[in-house]
């Protein structure tokens, strides 16, 4: 799954199909017409209020698509900048990678779509972190018991 270009309507439509929820139930929960549901499917962007409703309906965090995008594509802030910045907003750690992100990166390496160097440069993942993921994901050979 690519996180670079997010078309939220496509993701919502896929989730509706996966869950098999009827159009009338969608309209009741979201409080909109069938035409608006189809318009949502075609929309690249929707309001956060509506996205929250969709997330609640499906028990799926559609906002996570955007946070994954930020993890992969936003420029890293320097430690000095972070320390000097005062905010009343909650502060989140950027370097927390989800299982989906790790799997996405490892798939790029394993399929040869991107080299390790390209991944390090494009996604600003440290070399040590990437190699740690690769080592962890390697299948360890099965060792038969000597007594068997």
N, C-alpha and C. Protein backbone atom coordinates (compact mmCIF):
# COMPACT_ATOMS: atom_id res chain seq x y z
N UNK A 1 0.84 -1.18 0.00
CA UNK A 1 0.00 0.00 0.00
C UNK A 1 0.88 1.24 0.00
N UNK A 2 0.59 2.17 -0.87
CA UNK A 2 1.35 3.40 -0.93
C UNK A 2 0.75 4.46 -0.03
N UNK A 3 1.60 5.16 0.70
CA UNK A 3 1.12 6.21 1.58
C UNK A 3 1.44 7.59 1.02
N UNK A 4 2.01 7.65 -0.18
CA UNK A 4 2.42 8.94 -0.72
C UNK A 4 1.22 9.74 -1.22
N UNK A 5 0.37 9.12 -2.00
CA UNK A 5 -0.82 9.80 -2.53
C UNK A 5 -2.06 9.14 -1.95
N UNK A 6 -2.68 9.81 -1.02
CA UNK A 6 -3.83 9.25 -0.32
C UNK A 6 -5.11 9.76 -0.95
N UNK A 7 -5.93 8.83 -1.41
CA UNK A 7 -7.27 9.15 -1.90
C UNK A 7 -8.22 8.53 -0.89
N UNK A 8 -8.63 9.32 0.08
CA UNK A 8 -9.38 8.79 1.22
C UNK A 8 -10.69 8.16 0.81
N UNK A 9 -11.32 8.68 -0.22
CA UNK A 9 -12.58 8.10 -0.70
C UNK A 9 -12.41 6.66 -1.15
N UNK A 10 -11.31 6.36 -1.82
CA UNK A 10 -11.04 4.99 -2.26
C UNK A 10 -10.89 4.06 -1.07
N UNK A 11 -10.17 4.53 -0.03
CA UNK A 11 -9.98 3.70 1.16
C UNK A 11 -11.31 3.44 1.87
N UNK A 12 -12.15 4.46 1.95
CA UNK A 12 -13.46 4.29 2.60
C UNK A 12 -14.31 3.32 1.80
N UNK A 13 -14.31 3.46 0.50
CA UNK A 13 -15.10 2.56 -0.35
C UNK A 13 -14.64 1.11 -0.20
N UNK A 14 -13.33 0.91 -0.13
CA UNK A 14 -12.79 -0.44 0.07
C UNK A 14 -13.25 -1.01 1.40
N UNK A 15 -13.24 -0.18 2.44
CA UNK A 15 -13.65 -0.66 3.77
C UNK A 15 -15.14 -0.99 3.80
N UNK A 16 -15.95 -0.19 3.11
CA UNK A 16 -17.38 -0.47 3.03
C UNK A 16 -17.59 -1.84 2.37
N UNK A 17 -16.88 -2.09 1.28
CA UNK A 17 -17.00 -3.37 0.58
C UNK A 17 -16.55 -4.53 1.47
N UNK A 18 -15.46 -4.34 2.20
CA UNK A 18 -14.95 -5.40 3.09
C UNK A 18 -15.96 -5.74 4.18
N UNK A 19 -16.61 -4.73 4.73
CA UNK A 19 -17.52 -4.93 5.86
C UNK A 19 -18.93 -5.29 5.43
N UNK A 20 -19.26 -5.02 4.18
CA UNK A 20 -20.58 -5.36 3.67
C UNK A 20 -21.72 -4.61 4.32
N UNK A 21 -21.48 -3.39 4.71
CA UNK A 21 -22.52 -2.57 5.35
C UNK A 21 -23.41 -1.96 4.26
N UNK A 22 -24.70 -2.05 4.47
CA UNK A 22 -25.67 -1.55 3.50
C UNK A 22 -25.68 -0.03 3.41
N UNK A 23 -26.11 0.45 2.26
CA UNK A 23 -26.13 1.88 1.98
C UNK A 23 -27.06 2.63 2.94
N UNK A 24 -28.19 2.04 3.29
CA UNK A 24 -29.12 2.73 4.19
C UNK A 24 -28.51 2.89 5.59
N UNK A 25 -27.79 1.89 6.06
CA UNK A 25 -27.13 2.01 7.38
C UNK A 25 -26.05 3.08 7.33
N UNK A 26 -25.29 3.13 6.23
CA UNK A 26 -24.27 4.17 6.07
C UNK A 26 -24.91 5.55 6.12
N UNK A 27 -25.99 5.72 5.39
CA UNK A 27 -26.67 7.02 5.34
C UNK A 27 -27.17 7.43 6.72
N UNK A 28 -27.72 6.47 7.47
CA UNK A 28 -28.22 6.78 8.81
C UNK A 28 -27.10 7.17 9.75
N UNK A 29 -26.01 6.43 9.73
CA UNK A 29 -24.92 6.69 10.66
C UNK A 29 -24.20 7.99 10.33
N UNK A 30 -23.89 8.19 9.05
CA UNK A 30 -23.15 9.37 8.61
C UNK A 30 -24.09 10.58 8.52
N UNK A 31 -25.39 10.32 8.47
CA UNK A 31 -26.41 11.36 8.33
C UNK A 31 -26.25 12.15 7.03
N UNK A 32 -26.36 11.39 5.96
CA UNK A 32 -26.25 12.01 4.64
C UNK A 32 -27.04 11.18 3.64
N UNK A 33 -27.11 11.67 2.42
CA UNK A 33 -27.85 10.97 1.37
C UNK A 33 -26.95 9.97 0.65
N UNK A 34 -27.58 9.11 -0.15
CA UNK A 34 -26.81 8.15 -0.96
C UNK A 34 -25.86 8.89 -1.90
N UNK A 35 -26.35 10.00 -2.44
CA UNK A 35 -25.53 10.80 -3.36
C UNK A 35 -24.26 11.28 -2.65
N UNK A 36 -24.39 11.69 -1.38
CA UNK A 36 -23.23 12.16 -0.61
C UNK A 36 -22.25 11.01 -0.31
N UNK A 37 -22.78 9.80 -0.11
CA UNK A 37 -21.92 8.64 0.12
C UNK A 37 -21.07 8.40 -1.13
N UNK A 38 -21.71 8.39 -2.29
CA UNK A 38 -20.98 8.18 -3.54
C UNK A 38 -20.00 9.33 -3.81
N UNK A 39 -20.38 10.53 -3.42
CA UNK A 39 -19.49 11.68 -3.55
C UNK A 39 -18.25 11.51 -2.67
N UNK A 40 -18.46 10.94 -1.48
CA UNK A 40 -17.33 10.68 -0.57
C UNK A 40 -16.36 9.69 -1.21
N UNK A 41 -16.90 8.63 -1.81
CA UNK A 41 -16.05 7.64 -2.47
C UNK A 41 -15.17 8.29 -3.55
N UNK A 42 -15.70 9.31 -4.22
CA UNK A 42 -14.97 9.97 -5.30
C UNK A 42 -14.03 11.06 -4.79
N UNK A 43 -14.14 11.41 -3.50
CA UNK A 43 -13.36 12.52 -2.95
C UNK A 43 -11.97 12.11 -2.52
N UNK A 44 -11.02 12.93 -2.91
CA UNK A 44 -9.64 12.74 -2.45
C UNK A 44 -9.50 13.23 -1.01
N UNK A 45 -10.34 14.17 -0.60
CA UNK A 45 -10.29 14.75 0.75
C UNK A 45 -11.71 14.85 1.30
N UNK A 46 -11.83 14.69 2.62
CA UNK A 46 -13.11 14.94 3.29
C UNK A 46 -12.81 15.65 4.61
N UNK A 47 -13.84 16.20 5.22
CA UNK A 47 -13.63 16.93 6.48
C UNK A 47 -13.22 15.95 7.59
N UNK A 48 -12.52 16.46 8.57
CA UNK A 48 -12.08 15.61 9.69
C UNK A 48 -13.28 15.10 10.48
N UNK A 49 -14.32 15.89 10.57
CA UNK A 49 -15.52 15.45 11.29
C UNK A 49 -16.13 14.22 10.62
N UNK A 50 -16.23 14.26 9.29
CA UNK A 50 -16.76 13.11 8.56
C UNK A 50 -15.81 11.92 8.64
N UNK A 51 -14.52 12.19 8.56
CA UNK A 51 -13.55 11.09 8.64
C UNK A 51 -13.62 10.41 10.01
N UNK A 52 -13.85 11.19 11.04
CA UNK A 52 -14.01 10.63 12.39
C UNK A 52 -15.24 9.72 12.45
N UNK A 53 -16.33 10.14 11.82
CA UNK A 53 -17.54 9.31 11.78
C UNK A 53 -17.28 7.99 11.06
N UNK A 54 -16.60 8.06 9.92
CA UNK A 54 -16.26 6.84 9.17
C UNK A 54 -15.37 5.93 10.02
N UNK A 55 -14.41 6.52 10.71
CA UNK A 55 -13.50 5.74 11.56
C UNK A 55 -14.27 5.03 12.67
N UNK A 56 -15.21 5.73 13.29
CA UNK A 56 -16.01 5.14 14.36
C UNK A 56 -16.90 4.02 13.82
N UNK A 57 -17.52 4.26 12.69
CA UNK A 57 -18.42 3.28 12.11
C UNK A 57 -17.71 1.95 11.85
N UNK A 58 -16.49 2.04 11.32
CA UNK A 58 -15.78 0.83 10.93
C UNK A 58 -14.77 0.35 11.97
N UNK A 59 -14.55 1.13 13.03
CA UNK A 59 -13.53 0.74 14.00
C UNK A 59 -12.17 0.69 13.35
N UNK A 60 -11.96 1.58 12.39
CA UNK A 60 -10.71 1.63 11.63
C UNK A 60 -10.21 3.07 11.65
N UNK A 61 -8.95 3.26 11.98
CA UNK A 61 -8.38 4.61 12.09
C UNK A 61 -7.92 5.11 10.72
N UNK A 62 -8.83 5.79 10.00
CA UNK A 62 -8.49 6.34 8.69
C UNK A 62 -7.45 7.45 8.81
N UNK A 63 -7.36 8.09 9.97
CA UNK A 63 -6.37 9.14 10.18
C UNK A 63 -4.96 8.56 10.14
N UNK A 64 -4.83 7.29 10.47
CA UNK A 64 -3.52 6.64 10.49
C UNK A 64 -2.87 6.67 9.10
N UNK A 65 -3.68 6.69 8.06
CA UNK A 65 -3.13 6.79 6.70
C UNK A 65 -2.30 8.07 6.56
N UNK A 66 -2.80 9.14 7.16
CA UNK A 66 -2.10 10.42 7.08
C UNK A 66 -0.88 10.46 8.01
N UNK A 67 -0.99 9.85 9.18
CA UNK A 67 0.17 9.85 10.07
C UNK A 67 1.29 8.99 9.48
N UNK A 68 0.93 7.92 8.79
CA UNK A 68 1.96 7.11 8.12
C UNK A 68 2.65 7.93 7.03
N UNK A 69 1.87 8.73 6.34
CA UNK A 69 2.43 9.62 5.32
C UNK A 69 3.44 10.58 5.97
N UNK A 70 3.07 11.15 7.12
CA UNK A 70 3.97 12.07 7.81
C UNK A 70 5.26 11.37 8.24
N UNK A 71 5.14 10.16 8.73
CA UNK A 71 6.32 9.41 9.17
C UNK A 71 7.26 9.18 8.00
N UNK A 72 6.70 8.86 6.85
CA UNK A 72 7.54 8.52 5.69
C UNK A 72 8.02 9.73 4.90
N UNK A 73 7.23 10.79 4.83
CA UNK A 73 7.54 11.85 3.88
C UNK A 73 7.79 13.23 4.46
N UNK A 74 7.60 13.44 5.74
CA UNK A 74 7.84 14.78 6.26
C UNK A 74 9.30 14.94 6.64
N UNK A 75 9.83 16.14 6.49
CA UNK A 75 11.24 16.36 6.83
C UNK A 75 11.44 16.22 8.34
N UNK A 76 12.53 15.59 8.74
CA UNK A 76 12.77 15.43 10.17
C UNK A 76 13.12 16.76 10.82
N UNK A 77 12.59 16.99 12.01
CA UNK A 77 12.93 18.20 12.76
C UNK A 77 14.21 17.92 13.55
N UNK A 78 15.04 18.93 13.65
CA UNK A 78 16.26 18.73 14.42
C UNK A 78 15.93 18.71 15.90
N UNK A 79 16.74 18.05 16.68
CA UNK A 79 16.52 17.94 18.12
C UNK A 79 16.53 19.32 18.76
N UNK A 80 17.42 20.20 18.27
CA UNK A 80 17.51 21.55 18.82
C UNK A 80 16.21 22.30 18.59
N UNK A 81 15.64 22.18 17.38
CA UNK A 81 14.38 22.85 17.06
C UNK A 81 13.26 22.35 17.96
N UNK A 82 13.20 21.03 18.18
CA UNK A 82 12.15 20.46 19.01
C UNK A 82 12.26 20.93 20.44
N UNK A 83 13.48 21.04 20.95
CA UNK A 83 13.69 21.45 22.34
C UNK A 83 13.30 22.92 22.54
N UNK A 84 13.52 23.74 21.51
CA UNK A 84 13.24 25.17 21.63
C UNK A 84 11.76 25.50 21.39
N UNK A 85 11.04 24.65 20.71
CA UNK A 85 9.66 24.91 20.36
C UNK A 85 8.76 24.68 21.57
N UNK A 86 8.02 25.70 21.90
CA UNK A 86 7.04 25.61 23.00
C UNK A 86 5.66 25.48 22.37
N UNK A 87 4.88 24.55 22.87
CA UNK A 87 3.53 24.36 22.35
C UNK A 87 2.61 23.89 23.46
N UNK A 88 1.35 24.25 23.31
CA UNK A 88 0.35 23.76 24.24
C UNK A 88 -0.35 22.52 23.68
N UNK A 89 0.01 22.16 22.46
CA UNK A 89 -0.56 20.97 21.83
C UNK A 89 0.15 19.71 22.32
N UNK A 90 -0.51 18.56 22.23
CA UNK A 90 0.18 17.32 22.59
C UNK A 90 1.37 17.10 21.67
N UNK A 91 2.45 16.56 22.21
CA UNK A 91 3.65 16.30 21.42
C UNK A 91 3.76 14.79 21.22
N UNK A 92 3.91 14.39 19.96
CA UNK A 92 4.01 12.98 19.62
C UNK A 92 5.40 12.68 19.11
N UNK A 93 5.86 11.49 19.38
CA UNK A 93 7.16 11.08 18.87
C UNK A 93 7.00 10.63 17.43
N UNK A 94 7.83 11.17 16.55
CA UNK A 94 7.73 10.85 15.14
C UNK A 94 8.36 9.50 14.82
N UNK A 95 9.29 9.06 15.63
CA UNK A 95 10.06 7.88 15.27
C UNK A 95 9.40 6.56 15.68
N UNK A 96 8.11 6.56 15.90
CA UNK A 96 7.41 5.32 16.20
C UNK A 96 6.85 4.78 14.89
N UNK A 97 7.38 3.66 14.44
CA UNK A 97 6.96 3.06 13.19
C UNK A 97 5.96 1.94 13.49
N UNK A 98 4.86 1.93 12.78
CA UNK A 98 3.86 0.89 12.97
C UNK A 98 4.28 -0.36 12.20
N UNK A 99 3.64 -1.46 12.51
CA UNK A 99 3.91 -2.73 11.83
C UNK A 99 3.66 -2.57 10.33
N UNK A 100 2.63 -1.80 9.96
CA UNK A 100 2.32 -1.62 8.54
C UNK A 100 3.45 -0.89 7.82
N UNK A 101 4.01 0.11 8.46
CA UNK A 101 5.11 0.86 7.85
C UNK A 101 6.34 -0.04 7.69
N UNK A 102 6.66 -0.78 8.74
CA UNK A 102 7.83 -1.67 8.68
C UNK A 102 7.63 -2.71 7.58
N UNK A 103 6.45 -3.31 7.51
CA UNK A 103 6.17 -4.29 6.46
C UNK A 103 6.26 -3.67 5.07
N UNK A 104 5.75 -2.44 4.94
CA UNK A 104 5.79 -1.73 3.67
C UNK A 104 7.24 -1.51 3.22
N UNK A 105 8.08 -1.05 4.14
CA UNK A 105 9.49 -0.80 3.83
C UNK A 105 10.21 -2.10 3.48
N UNK A 106 9.98 -3.14 4.28
CA UNK A 106 10.64 -4.42 4.02
C UNK A 106 10.19 -5.04 2.70
N UNK A 107 8.93 -4.82 2.35
CA UNK A 107 8.44 -5.32 1.06
C UNK A 107 9.16 -4.61 -0.09
N UNK A 108 9.40 -3.31 0.05
CA UNK A 108 10.13 -2.58 -0.99
C UNK A 108 11.53 -3.15 -1.17
N UNK A 109 12.18 -3.50 -0.06
CA UNK A 109 13.53 -4.07 -0.12
C UNK A 109 13.48 -5.48 -0.70
N UNK A 110 12.58 -6.32 -0.17
CA UNK A 110 12.52 -7.72 -0.58
C UNK A 110 12.14 -7.91 -2.04
N UNK A 111 11.30 -7.05 -2.56
CA UNK A 111 10.88 -7.17 -3.96
C UNK A 111 11.84 -6.47 -4.92
N UNK A 112 12.80 -5.73 -4.36
CA UNK A 112 13.76 -5.03 -5.20
C UNK A 112 13.23 -3.74 -5.79
N UNK A 113 12.09 -3.29 -5.33
CA UNK A 113 11.53 -2.03 -5.83
C UNK A 113 12.45 -0.87 -5.47
N UNK A 114 13.01 -0.93 -4.26
CA UNK A 114 13.96 0.09 -3.81
C UNK A 114 15.14 -0.60 -3.15
N UNK A 115 16.29 0.02 -3.29
CA UNK A 115 17.47 -0.49 -2.60
C UNK A 115 17.47 0.03 -1.17
N UNK A 116 18.31 -0.57 -0.34
CA UNK A 116 18.41 -0.12 1.05
C UNK A 116 18.85 1.34 1.09
N UNK A 117 19.78 1.71 0.24
CA UNK A 117 20.26 3.09 0.19
C UNK A 117 19.13 4.04 -0.19
N UNK A 118 18.34 3.66 -1.18
CA UNK A 118 17.21 4.51 -1.59
C UNK A 118 16.21 4.69 -0.44
N UNK A 119 15.94 3.62 0.28
CA UNK A 119 15.01 3.70 1.42
C UNK A 119 15.56 4.64 2.49
N UNK A 120 16.83 4.49 2.80
CA UNK A 120 17.45 5.34 3.82
C UNK A 120 17.38 6.80 3.42
N UNK A 121 17.63 7.09 2.15
CA UNK A 121 17.62 8.47 1.67
C UNK A 121 16.20 9.02 1.54
N UNK A 122 15.32 8.26 0.92
CA UNK A 122 13.99 8.77 0.64
C UNK A 122 13.11 8.89 1.89
N UNK A 123 13.18 7.91 2.78
CA UNK A 123 12.30 7.90 3.94
C UNK A 123 13.01 8.32 5.23
N UNK A 124 14.30 8.63 5.13
CA UNK A 124 15.09 9.10 6.28
C UNK A 124 15.03 8.13 7.47
N UNK A 125 15.05 6.85 7.15
CA UNK A 125 15.14 5.83 8.18
C UNK A 125 16.62 5.55 8.37
N UNK A 126 17.06 5.51 9.61
CA UNK A 126 18.49 5.30 9.83
C UNK A 126 18.91 3.92 9.34
N UNK A 127 20.15 3.82 8.96
CA UNK A 127 20.70 2.55 8.47
C UNK A 127 20.55 1.47 9.54
N UNK A 128 20.86 1.83 10.79
CA UNK A 128 20.78 0.86 11.89
C UNK A 128 19.35 0.34 12.06
N UNK A 129 18.37 1.24 11.97
CA UNK A 129 16.98 0.84 12.13
C UNK A 129 16.56 -0.10 11.00
N UNK A 130 16.90 0.25 9.78
CA UNK A 130 16.54 -0.58 8.63
C UNK A 130 17.15 -1.97 8.76
N UNK A 131 18.42 -2.05 9.09
CA UNK A 131 19.08 -3.34 9.19
C UNK A 131 18.53 -4.16 10.37
N UNK A 132 18.12 -3.48 11.43
CA UNK A 132 17.51 -4.16 12.57
C UNK A 132 16.19 -4.81 12.13
N UNK A 133 15.39 -4.08 11.34
CA UNK A 133 14.14 -4.64 10.84
C UNK A 133 14.40 -5.85 9.94
N UNK A 134 15.40 -5.72 9.07
CA UNK A 134 15.72 -6.81 8.14
C UNK A 134 16.14 -8.06 8.92
N UNK A 135 16.98 -7.89 9.91
CA UNK A 135 17.45 -9.02 10.71
C UNK A 135 16.30 -9.66 11.48
N UNK A 136 15.44 -8.84 12.06
CA UNK A 136 14.30 -9.37 12.83
C UNK A 136 13.34 -10.16 11.96
N UNK A 137 13.16 -9.73 10.71
CA UNK A 137 12.20 -10.37 9.82
C UNK A 137 12.74 -11.62 9.14
N UNK A 138 14.05 -11.84 9.22
CA UNK A 138 14.62 -13.02 8.58
C UNK A 138 14.09 -14.26 9.26
N UNK A 139 13.76 -15.25 8.45
CA UNK A 139 13.27 -16.51 8.99
C UNK A 139 14.48 -17.31 9.45
N UNK A 140 14.44 -17.69 10.71
CA UNK A 140 15.54 -18.47 11.25
C UNK A 140 15.38 -19.92 10.83
N UNK A 141 16.47 -20.57 10.43
CA UNK A 141 16.37 -21.96 9.97
C UNK A 141 15.90 -22.87 11.10
N UNK A 142 15.09 -23.84 10.72
CA UNK A 142 14.57 -24.79 11.69
C UNK A 142 15.68 -25.73 12.11
N UNK A 143 15.85 -25.88 13.41
CA UNK A 143 16.87 -26.78 13.93
C UNK A 143 16.19 -27.99 14.55
N UNK A 144 16.51 -29.16 14.02
CA UNK A 144 15.93 -30.37 14.57
C UNK A 144 16.63 -30.72 15.88
N UNK A 145 15.89 -31.29 16.77
CA UNK A 145 16.48 -31.70 18.04
C UNK A 145 17.41 -32.88 17.80
N UNK A 146 18.54 -32.86 18.45
CA UNK A 146 19.53 -33.93 18.27
C UNK A 146 19.00 -35.27 18.76
N UNK A 147 18.10 -35.26 19.73
CA UNK A 147 17.59 -36.52 20.30
C UNK A 147 16.44 -37.10 19.49
N UNK A 148 15.94 -36.39 18.54
CA UNK A 148 14.77 -36.87 17.82
C UNK A 148 15.11 -37.95 16.83
